[in-house]
Amino acid sequence: MHDTRSDSGIIVVAQAAGANAVHTGLQAGDVIREINRTPLQSSSQLQALIRNFKSGDPAVLQIERNGKLQYLAFEMD
């Protein structure tokens, strides 16, 4: 991952489509750094963490977009 703040994180390449997709505000090219203050190292780690969420649980992503850190908050569907 060149031109980013660190070497860890998960690059968003596309958004999931369909009725079960959670609307997070992520965009292609975003780098997900953390979910609920847990640093991310792999997509399998992210998937494992997401499986533990229940409908209505709050989630906060720390992302890097265009070289700037941002936070996206949403509730799991």
PDB file of N, CA and C in Angstrom:
ATOM      1  N   MET A   1       0.847  -1.160   0.000  1.00  0.00           N
ATOM      2  CA  MET A   1       0.000   0.000   0.000  1.00  0.00           C
ATOM      3  C   MET A   1       0.897   1.229   0.000  1.00  0.00           C
ATOM      4  N   HIS A   2       1.087   1.803  -1.129  1.00  0.00           N
ATOM      5  CA  HIS A   2       1.920   2.993  -1.209  1.00  0.00           C
ATOM      6  C   HIS A   2       1.069   4.246  -1.016  1.00  0.00           C
ATOM      7  N   ASP A   3       1.701   5.306  -0.611  1.00  0.00           N
ATOM      8  CA  ASP A   3       1.029   6.588  -0.378  1.00  0.00           C
ATOM      9  C   ASP A   3      -0.036   6.520   0.712  1.00  0.00           C
ATOM     10  N   THR A   4       0.157   5.645   1.701  1.00  0.00           N
ATOM     11  CA  THR A   4      -0.743   5.604   2.842  1.00  0.00           C
ATOM     12  C   THR A   4       0.058   5.828   4.115  1.00  0.00           C
ATOM     13  N   ARG A   5      -0.641   6.073   5.203  1.00  0.00           N
ATOM     14  CA  ARG A   5       0.002   6.390   6.475  1.00  0.00           C
ATOM     15  C   ARG A   5       0.730   5.200   7.091  1.00  0.00           C
ATOM     16  N   SER A   6       0.277   3.968   6.846  1.00  0.00           N
ATOM     17  CA  SER A   6       0.931   2.780   7.387  1.00  0.00           C
ATOM     18  C   SER A   6       0.744   1.619   6.428  1.00  0.00           C
ATOM     19  N   ASP A   7       1.397   0.507   6.756  1.00  0.00           N
ATOM     20  CA  ASP A   7       1.342  -0.664   5.881  1.00  0.00           C
ATOM     21  C   ASP A   7       0.220  -1.632   6.243  1.00  0.00           C
ATOM     22  N   SER A   8      -0.558  -1.326   7.279  1.00  0.00           N
ATOM     23  CA  SER A   8      -1.627  -2.238   7.663  1.00  0.00           C
ATOM     24  C   SER A   8      -2.977  -1.642   7.286  1.00  0.00           C
ATOM     25  N   GLY A   9      -3.964  -2.522   7.194  1.00  0.00           N
ATOM     26  CA  GLY A   9      -5.309  -2.092   6.849  1.00  0.00           C
ATOM     27  C   GLY A   9      -5.840  -2.903   5.698  1.00  0.00           C
ATOM     28  N   ILE A  10      -7.074  -2.647   5.347  1.00  0.00           N
ATOM     29  CA  ILE A  10      -7.765  -3.379   4.292  1.00  0.00           C
ATOM     30  C   ILE A  10      -8.282  -2.378   3.276  1.00  0.00           C
ATOM     31  N   ILE A  11      -7.882  -2.552   2.026  1.00  0.00           N
ATOM     32  CA  ILE A  11      -8.302  -1.640   0.965  1.00  0.00           C
ATOM     33  C   ILE A  11      -9.684  -2.042   0.462  1.00  0.00           C
ATOM     34  N   VAL A  12     -10.575  -1.083   0.377  1.00  0.00           N
ATOM     35  CA  VAL A  12     -11.917  -1.312  -0.150  1.00  0.00           C
ATOM     36  C   VAL A  12     -11.835  -1.232  -1.672  1.00  0.00           C
ATOM     37  N   VAL A  13     -12.251  -2.304  -2.341  1.00  0.00           N
ATOM     38  CA  VAL A  13     -12.218  -2.299  -3.807  1.00  0.00           C
ATOM     39  C   VAL A  13     -13.605  -2.107  -4.400  1.00  0.00           C
ATOM     40  N   ALA A  14     -14.652  -2.464  -3.651  1.00  0.00           N
ATOM     41  CA  ALA A  14     -16.031  -2.289  -4.126  1.00  0.00           C
ATOM     42  C   ALA A  14     -16.965  -2.434  -2.940  1.00  0.00           C
ATOM     43  N   GLN A  15     -18.198  -1.996  -3.121  1.00  0.00           N
ATOM     44  CA  GLN A  15     -19.204  -2.142  -2.080  1.00  0.00           C
ATOM     45  C   GLN A  15     -20.095  -3.327  -2.391  1.00  0.00           C
ATOM     46  N   ALA A  16     -20.517  -4.018  -1.348  1.00  0.00           N
ATOM     47  CA  ALA A  16     -21.442  -5.138  -1.527  1.00  0.00           C
ATOM     48  C   ALA A  16     -22.798  -4.604  -1.960  1.00  0.00           C
ATOM     49  N   ALA A  17     -23.417  -5.324  -2.837  1.00  0.00           N
ATOM     50  CA  ALA A  17     -24.749  -4.944  -3.299  1.00  0.00           C
ATOM     51  C   ALA A  17     -25.764  -5.908  -2.710  1.00  0.00           C
ATOM     52  N   GLY A  18     -26.986  -5.479  -2.654  1.00  0.00           N
ATOM     53  CA  GLY A  18     -28.043  -6.368  -2.201  1.00  0.00           C
ATOM     54  C   GLY A  18     -28.717  -5.870  -0.949  1.00  0.00           C
ATOM     55  N   ALA A  19     -29.791  -6.541  -0.601  1.00  0.00           N
ATOM     56  CA  ALA A  19     -30.612  -6.131   0.531  1.00  0.00           C
ATOM     57  C   ALA A  19     -29.884  -6.264   1.858  1.00  0.00           C
ATOM     58  N   ASN A  20     -28.926  -7.185   1.963  1.00  0.00           N
ATOM     59  CA  ASN A  20     -28.227  -7.415   3.226  1.00  0.00           C
ATOM     60  C   ASN A  20     -26.989  -6.540   3.397  1.00  0.00           C
ATOM     61  N   ALA A  21     -26.688  -5.687   2.450  1.00  0.00           N
ATOM     62  CA  ALA A  21     -25.493  -4.840   2.533  1.00  0.00           C
ATOM     63  C   ALA A  21     -25.700  -3.760   3.591  1.00  0.00           C
ATOM     64  N   VAL A  22     -24.701  -3.594   4.446  1.00  0.00           N
ATOM     65  CA  VAL A  22     -24.735  -2.539   5.468  1.00  0.00           C
ATOM     66  C   VAL A  22     -24.246  -1.260   4.820  1.00  0.00           C
ATOM     67  N   HIS A  23     -24.960  -0.168   5.040  1.00  0.00           N
ATOM     68  CA  HIS A  23     -24.588   1.119   4.460  1.00  0.00           C
ATOM     69  C   HIS A  23     -23.626   1.826   5.405  1.00  0.00           C
ATOM     70  N   THR A  24     -22.337   1.761   5.077  1.00  0.00           N
ATOM     71  CA  THR A  24     -21.292   2.250   5.964  1.00  0.00           C
ATOM     72  C   THR A  24     -20.728   3.602   5.566  1.00  0.00           C
ATOM     73  N   GLY A  25     -20.879   3.979   4.296  1.00  0.00           N
ATOM     74  CA  GLY A  25     -20.250   5.196   3.810  1.00  0.00           C
ATOM     75  C   GLY A  25     -18.875   4.950   3.217  1.00  0.00           C
ATOM     76  N   LEU A  26     -18.456   3.680   3.165  1.00  0.00           N
ATOM     77  CA  LEU A  26     -17.157   3.358   2.558  1.00  0.00           C
ATOM     78  C   LEU A  26     -17.180   3.615   1.065  1.00  0.00           C
ATOM     79  N   GLN A  27     -16.018   3.977   0.534  1.00  0.00           N
ATOM     80  CA  GLN A  27     -15.852   4.188  -0.897  1.00  0.00           C
ATOM     81  C   GLN A  27     -14.681   3.356  -1.387  1.00  0.00           C
ATOM     82  N   ALA A  28     -14.733   2.981  -2.658  1.00  0.00           N
ATOM     83  CA  ALA A  28     -13.598   2.267  -3.258  1.00  0.00           C
ATOM     84  C   ALA A  28     -12.341   3.105  -3.070  1.00  0.00           C
ATOM     85  N   GLY A  29     -11.265   2.463  -2.650  1.00  0.00           N
ATOM     86  CA  GLY A  29     -10.000   3.150  -2.405  1.00  0.00           C
ATOM     87  C   GLY A  29      -9.761   3.488  -0.944  1.00  0.00           C
ATOM     88  N   ASP A  30     -10.818   3.452  -0.116  1.00  0.00           N
ATOM     89  CA  ASP A  30     -10.643   3.664   1.320  1.00  0.00           C
ATOM     90  C   ASP A  30      -9.798   2.533   1.891  1.00  0.00           C
ATOM     91  N   VAL A  31      -9.052   2.824   2.949  1.00  0.00           N
ATOM     92  CA  VAL A  31      -8.301   1.806   3.677  1.00  0.00           C
ATOM     93  C   VAL A  31      -8.889   1.737   5.080  1.00  0.00           C
ATOM     94  N   ILE A  32      -9.446   0.576   5.420  1.00  0.00           N
ATOM     95  CA  ILE A  32     -10.012   0.388   6.758  1.00  0.00           C
ATOM     96  C   ILE A  32      -8.864   0.060   7.702  1.00  0.00           C
ATOM     97  N   ARG A  33      -8.661   0.900   8.706  1.00  0.00           N
ATOM     98  CA  ARG A  33      -7.568   0.725   9.673  1.00  0.00           C
ATOM     99  C   ARG A  33      -8.024  -0.001  10.936  1.00  0.00           C
ATOM    100  N   GLU A  34      -9.222   0.336  11.434  1.00  0.00           N
ATOM    101  CA  GLU A  34      -9.720  -0.233  12.691  1.00  0.00           C
ATOM    102  C   GLU A  34     -11.228  -0.399  12.615  1.00  0.00           C
ATOM    103  N   ILE A  35     -11.724  -1.331  13.409  1.00  0.00           N
ATOM    104  CA  ILE A  35     -13.156  -1.421  13.664  1.00  0.00           C
ATOM    105  C   ILE A  35     -13.321  -1.480  15.178  1.00  0.00           C
ATOM    106  N   ASN A  36     -14.099  -0.559  15.708  1.00  0.00           N
ATOM    107  CA  ASN A  36     -14.305  -0.444  17.155  1.00  0.00           C
ATOM    108  C   ASN A  36     -12.990  -0.521  17.931  1.00  0.00           C
ATOM    109  N   ARG A  37     -12.027   0.241  17.480  1.00  0.00           N
ATOM    110  CA  ARG A  37     -10.702   0.396  18.107  1.00  0.00           C
ATOM    111  C   ARG A  37      -9.806  -0.831  18.006  1.00  0.00           C
ATOM    112  N   THR A  38     -10.191  -1.821  17.212  1.00  0.00           N
ATOM    113  CA  THR A  38      -9.352  -2.995  16.991  1.00  0.00           C
ATOM    114  C   THR A  38      -8.617  -2.813  15.670  1.00  0.00           C
ATOM    115  N   PRO A  39      -7.274  -2.700  15.712  1.00  0.00           N
ATOM    116  CA  PRO A  39      -6.508  -2.552  14.463  1.00  0.00           C
ATOM    117  C   PRO A  39      -6.679  -3.790  13.576  1.00  0.00           C
ATOM    118  N   LEU A  40      -6.779  -3.555  12.277  1.00  0.00           N
ATOM    119  CA  LEU A  40      -6.996  -4.648  11.324  1.00  0.00           C
ATOM    120  C   LEU A  40      -5.727  -4.961  10.548  1.00  0.00           C
ATOM    121  N   GLN A  41      -5.469  -6.259  10.416  1.00  0.00           N
ATOM    122  CA  GLN A  41      -4.311  -6.734   9.672  1.00  0.00           C
ATOM    123  C   GLN A  41      -4.698  -7.530   8.430  1.00  0.00           C
ATOM    124  N   SER A  42      -5.942  -8.051   8.404  1.00  0.00           N
ATOM    125  CA  SER A  42      -6.339  -8.892   7.269  1.00  0.00           C
ATOM    126  C   SER A  42      -7.849  -8.857   7.080  1.00  0.00           C
ATOM    127  N   SER A  43      -8.278  -9.225   5.889  1.00  0.00           N
ATOM    128  CA  SER A  43      -9.720  -9.270   5.620  1.00  0.00           C
ATOM    129  C   SER A  43     -10.376 -10.402   6.404  1.00  0.00           C
ATOM    130  N   SER A  44      -9.660 -11.500   6.647  1.00  0.00           N
ATOM    131  CA  SER A  44     -10.234 -12.595   7.434  1.00  0.00           C
ATOM    132  C   SER A  44     -10.465 -12.155   8.879  1.00  0.00           C
ATOM    133  N   GLN A  45      -9.582 -11.313   9.414  1.00  0.00           N
ATOM    134  CA  GLN A  45      -9.774 -10.773  10.757  1.00  0.00           C
ATOM    135  C   GLN A  45     -11.025  -9.895  10.791  1.00  0.00           C
ATOM    136  N   LEU A  46     -11.197  -9.038   9.789  1.00  0.00           N
ATOM    137  CA  LEU A  46     -12.382  -8.186   9.712  1.00  0.00           C
ATOM    138  C   LEU A  46     -13.643  -9.033   9.642  1.00  0.00           C
ATOM    139  N   GLN A  47     -13.644 -10.064   8.819  1.00  0.00           N
ATOM    140  CA  GLN A  47     -14.812 -10.928   8.678  1.00  0.00           C
ATOM    141  C   GLN A  47     -15.145 -11.612   9.996  1.00  0.00           C
ATOM    142  N   ALA A  48     -14.129 -12.067  10.716  1.00  0.00           N
ATOM    143  CA  ALA A  48     -14.357 -12.727  12.005  1.00  0.00           C
ATOM    144  C   ALA A  48     -14.975 -11.758  13.005  1.00  0.00           C
ATOM    145  N   LEU A  49     -14.491 -10.528  13.031  1.00  0.00           N
ATOM    146  CA  LEU A  49     -15.041  -9.529  13.947  1.00  0.00           C
ATOM    147  C   LEU A  49     -16.483  -9.190  13.592  1.00  0.00           C
ATOM    148  N   ILE A  50     -16.767  -9.054  12.309  1.00  0.00           N
ATOM    149  CA  ILE A  50     -18.117  -8.697  11.863  1.00  0.00           C
ATOM    150  C   ILE A  50     -19.120  -9.802  12.198  1.00  0.00           C
ATOM    151  N   ARG A  51     -18.684 -11.056  12.130  1.00  0.00           N
ATOM    152  CA  ARG A  51     -19.588 -12.171  12.446  1.00  0.00           C
ATOM    153  C   ARG A  51     -20.106 -12.091  13.884  1.00  0.00           C
ATOM    154  N   ASN A  52     -19.371 -11.443  14.773  1.00  0.00           N
ATOM    155  CA  ASN A  52     -19.777 -11.340  16.176  1.00  0.00           C
ATOM    156  C   ASN A  52     -20.794 -10.235  16.433  1.00  0.00           C
ATOM    157  N   PHE A  53     -21.028  -9.376  15.451  1.00  0.00           N
ATOM    158  CA  PHE A  53     -22.005  -8.305  15.606  1.00  0.00           C
ATOM    159  C   PHE A  53     -23.416  -8.842  15.471  1.00  0.00           C
ATOM    160  N   LYS A  54     -24.328  -8.200  16.188  1.00  0.00           N
ATOM    161  CA  LYS A  54     -25.753  -8.504  16.067  1.00  0.00           C
ATOM    162  C   LYS A  54     -26.441  -7.294  15.434  1.00  0.00           C
ATOM    163  N   SER A  55     -27.625  -7.500  14.919  1.00  0.00           N
ATOM    164  CA  SER A  55     -28.395  -6.415  14.335  1.00  0.00           C
ATOM    165  C   SER A  55     -28.587  -5.314  15.373  1.00  0.00           C
ATOM    166  N   GLY A  56     -28.286  -4.075  14.983  1.00  0.00           N
ATOM    167  CA  GLY A  56     -28.426  -2.936  15.869  1.00  0.00           C
ATOM    168  C   GLY A  56     -27.165  -2.576  16.638  1.00  0.00           C
ATOM    169  N   ASP A  57     -26.148  -3.451  16.602  1.00  0.00           N
ATOM    170  CA  ASP A  57     -24.888  -3.140  17.288  1.00  0.00           C
ATOM    171  C   ASP A  57     -24.210  -1.953  16.611  1.00  0.00           C
ATOM    172  N   PRO A  58     -23.646  -1.049  17.403  1.00  0.00           N
ATOM    173  CA  PRO A  58     -22.917   0.081  16.817  1.00  0.00           C
ATOM    174  C   PRO A  58     -21.540  -0.357  16.332  1.00  0.00           C
ATOM    175  N   ALA A  59     -21.088   0.269  15.279  1.00  0.00           N
ATOM    176  CA  ALA A  59     -19.746   0.001  14.756  1.00  0.00           C
ATOM    177  C   ALA A  59     -19.126   1.331  14.333  1.00  0.00           C
ATOM    178  N   VAL A  60     -17.825   1.449  14.576  1.00  0.00           N
ATOM    179  CA  VAL A  60     -17.080   2.634  14.152  1.00  0.00           C
ATOM    180  C   VAL A  60     -15.839   2.154  13.417  1.00  0.00           C
ATOM    181  N   LEU A  61     -15.710   2.607  12.186  1.00  0.00           N
ATOM    182  CA  LEU A  61     -14.530   2.293  11.391  1.00  0.00           C
ATOM    183  C   LEU A  61     -13.597   3.486  11.374  1.00  0.00           C
ATOM    184  N   GLN A  62     -12.321   3.235  11.570  1.00  0.00           N
ATOM    185  CA  GLN A  62     -11.321   4.267  11.286  1.00  0.00           C
ATOM    186  C   GLN A  62     -10.811   3.947   9.894  1.00  0.00           C
ATOM    187  N   ILE A  63     -10.923   4.915   9.010  1.00  0.00           N
ATOM    188  CA  ILE A  63     -10.486   4.706   7.633  1.00  0.00           C
ATOM    189  C   ILE A  63      -9.486   5.790   7.241  1.00  0.00           C
ATOM    190  N   GLU A  64      -8.744   5.488   6.209  1.00  0.00           N
ATOM    191  CA  GLU A  64      -7.904   6.501   5.574  1.00  0.00           C
ATOM    192  C   GLU A  64      -8.469   6.729   4.184  1.00  0.00           C
ATOM    193  N   ARG A  65      -8.771   7.982   3.902  1.00  0.00           N
ATOM    194  CA  ARG A  65      -9.309   8.366   2.591  1.00  0.00           C
ATOM    195  C   ARG A  65      -8.519   9.569   2.108  1.00  0.00           C
ATOM    196  N   ASN A  66      -7.894   9.414   0.960  1.00  0.00           N
ATOM    197  CA  ASN A  66      -7.099  10.503   0.377  1.00  0.00           C
ATOM    198  C   ASN A  66      -6.042  11.020   1.356  1.00  0.00           C
ATOM    199  N   GLY A  67      -5.416  10.102   2.088  1.00  0.00           N
ATOM    200  CA  GLY A  67      -4.341  10.465   3.000  1.00  0.00           C
ATOM    201  C   GLY A  67      -4.783  11.022   4.337  1.00  0.00           C
ATOM    202  N   LYS A  68      -6.091  11.079   4.596  1.00  0.00           N
ATOM    203  CA  LYS A  68      -6.593  11.629   5.853  1.00  0.00           C
ATOM    204  C   LYS A  68      -7.386  10.571   6.611  1.00  0.00           C
ATOM    205  N   LEU A  69      -7.187  10.528   7.932  1.00  0.00           N
ATOM    206  CA  LEU A  69      -7.946   9.606   8.764  1.00  0.00           C
ATOM    207  C   LEU A  69      -9.336  10.164   9.027  1.00  0.00           C
ATOM    208  N   GLN A  70     -10.324   9.276   8.973  1.00  0.00           N
ATOM    209  CA  GLN A  70     -11.712   9.642   9.213  1.00  0.00           C
ATOM    210  C   GLN A  70     -12.373   8.499  10.004  1.00  0.00           C
ATOM    211  N   TYR A  71     -13.521   8.803  10.573  1.00  0.00           N
ATOM    212  CA  TYR A  71     -14.301   7.786  11.267  1.00  0.00           C
ATOM    213  C   TYR A  71     -15.674   7.698  10.633  1.00  0.00           C
ATOM    214  N   LEU A  72     -16.149   6.475  10.473  1.00  0.00           N
ATOM    215  CA  LEU A  72     -17.496   6.225   9.949  1.00  0.00           C
ATOM    216  C   LEU A  72     -18.251   5.411  10.996  1.00  0.00           C
ATOM    217  N   ALA A  73     -19.367   5.918  11.470  1.00  0.00           N
ATOM    218  CA  ALA A  73     -20.176   5.228  12.470  1.00  0.00           C
ATOM    219  C   ALA A  73     -21.479   4.778  11.830  1.00  0.00           C
ATOM    220  N   PHE A  74     -21.931   3.582  12.208  1.00  0.00           N
ATOM    221  CA  PHE A  74     -23.178   3.033  11.673  1.00  0.00           C
ATOM    222  C   PHE A  74     -23.650   1.921  12.596  1.00  0.00           C
ATOM    223  N   GLU A  75     -24.858   1.442  12.363  1.00  0.00           N
ATOM    224  CA  GLU A  75     -25.391   0.297  13.093  1.00  0.00           C
ATOM    225  C   GLU A  75     -25.470  -0.883  12.149  1.00  0.00           C
ATOM    226  N   MET A  76     -25.176  -2.052  12.684  1.00  0.00           N
ATOM    227  CA  MET A  76     -25.269  -3.270  11.873  1.00  0.00           C
ATOM    228  C   MET A  76     -26.731  -3.556  11.583  1.00  0.00           C
ATOM    229  N   ASP A  77     -26.999  -4.016  10.379  1.00  0.00           N
ATOM    230  CA  ASP A  77     -28.371  -4.377   9.987  1.00  0.00           C
ATOM    231  C   ASP A  77     -28.672  -5.789  10.436  1.00  0.00           C
TER     232      ASP A  77
END
